[in-house]
Amino acid sequence: MRRRTENEKKAMGLITPILREINIKQATRGYVPLVDVLCYAYANPMATFQKAMKELMAGNYYVGVKRDEEVDYVEERY
């Protein structure tokens, strides 16, 4: 796991109460990646979403989250 910067830790203190207020629990699937992206975006306001995900996926492992090159694209048929 990558270590959060001081600005990311500050963002964590701002984001966690908001998520608690809107009733998103820490046990909710996707909570950790969501918080990491929000914290990174707060600490690096000029970073694009792709840059944030590249940075976070390089240092973190999220269960159930695949890198784009690992995703198998399946053609949907109706």
Protein backbone atom coordinates (compact mmCIF):
# COMPACT_ATOMS: atom_id res chain seq x y z
CA MET A 1 0.00 0.00 0.00
CA ARG A 2 1.24 3.44 -0.80
CA ARG A 3 1.50 5.99 1.97
CA ARG A 4 -0.81 8.99 1.89
CA THR A 5 0.70 12.45 1.73
CA GLU A 6 -0.10 15.04 4.39
CA ASN A 7 -2.65 16.69 2.08
CA GLU A 8 -4.31 13.33 1.46
CA LYS A 9 -4.53 12.75 5.22
CA LYS A 10 -6.13 16.19 5.57
CA ALA A 11 -8.64 15.29 2.85
CA MET A 12 -9.42 12.03 4.65
CA GLY A 13 -10.58 14.06 7.64
CA LEU A 14 -12.90 16.06 5.39
CA ILE A 15 -14.24 13.18 3.28
CA THR A 16 -14.94 10.57 5.95
CA PRO A 17 -17.62 12.62 7.79
CA ILE A 18 -19.34 13.42 4.49
CA LEU A 19 -19.51 9.77 3.49
CA ARG A 20 -20.79 8.89 6.96
CA GLU A 21 -23.46 11.60 6.68
CA ILE A 22 -24.73 10.25 3.36
CA ASN A 23 -24.70 6.76 4.87
CA ILE A 24 -21.89 5.17 2.86
CA LYS A 25 -20.37 2.65 5.23
CA GLN A 26 -16.73 1.58 5.29
CA ALA A 27 -17.87 -1.99 4.70
CA THR A 28 -19.45 -0.95 1.40
CA ARG A 29 -17.77 -2.48 -1.61
CA GLY A 30 -15.63 0.14 -3.35
CA TYR A 31 -15.33 2.41 -0.30
CA VAL A 32 -11.52 2.30 -0.10
CA PRO A 33 -10.83 3.00 -3.80
CA LEU A 34 -13.40 5.81 -3.73
CA VAL A 35 -11.80 7.43 -0.69
CA ASP A 36 -8.32 7.04 -2.20
CA VAL A 37 -9.38 8.72 -5.46
CA LEU A 38 -11.12 11.55 -3.60
CA CYS A 39 -8.11 12.12 -1.33
CA TYR A 40 -5.69 12.06 -4.27
CA ALA A 41 -7.89 14.49 -6.22
CA TYR A 42 -8.02 16.86 -3.24
CA ALA A 43 -4.24 16.75 -2.78
CA ASN A 44 -3.50 17.03 -6.52
CA PRO A 45 -6.18 19.30 -8.05
CA MET A 46 -4.46 19.51 -11.45
CA ALA A 47 -4.19 15.72 -11.90
CA THR A 48 -6.47 13.99 -14.37
CA PHE A 49 -8.53 10.96 -13.41
CA GLN A 50 -6.29 8.72 -15.52
CA LYS A 51 -3.15 10.03 -13.78
CA ALA A 52 -4.75 9.52 -10.37
CA MET A 53 -5.75 5.94 -11.17
CA LYS A 54 -2.33 5.15 -12.62
CA GLU A 55 -0.64 6.45 -9.48
CA LEU A 56 -3.03 4.69 -7.09
CA MET A 57 -3.03 1.36 -8.94
CA ALA A 58 0.78 1.35 -9.00
CA GLY A 59 0.98 1.45 -5.22
CA ASN A 60 -2.29 -0.13 -4.06
CA TYR A 61 -4.08 -3.38 -4.68
CA TYR A 62 -7.85 -3.20 -4.64
CA VAL A 63 -9.84 -6.42 -4.51
CA GLY A 64 -12.21 -6.52 -7.48
CA VAL A 65 -10.66 -3.54 -9.29
CA LYS A 66 -8.80 -4.40 -12.48
CA ARG A 67 -6.42 -2.33 -14.52
CA ASP A 68 -7.76 -1.44 -17.95
CA GLU A 69 -5.36 -3.83 -19.71
CA GLU A 70 -6.61 -6.68 -17.50
CA VAL A 71 -10.27 -6.17 -18.35
CA ASP A 72 -11.76 -8.62 -20.80
CA TYR A 73 -14.18 -6.82 -23.04
CA VAL A 74 -17.19 -8.94 -23.85
CA GLU A 75 -19.49 -8.06 -26.67
CA GLU A 76 -23.05 -7.77 -25.41
CA ARG A 77 -25.75 -9.35 -27.48
CA TYR A 78 -29.38 -8.38 -27.25
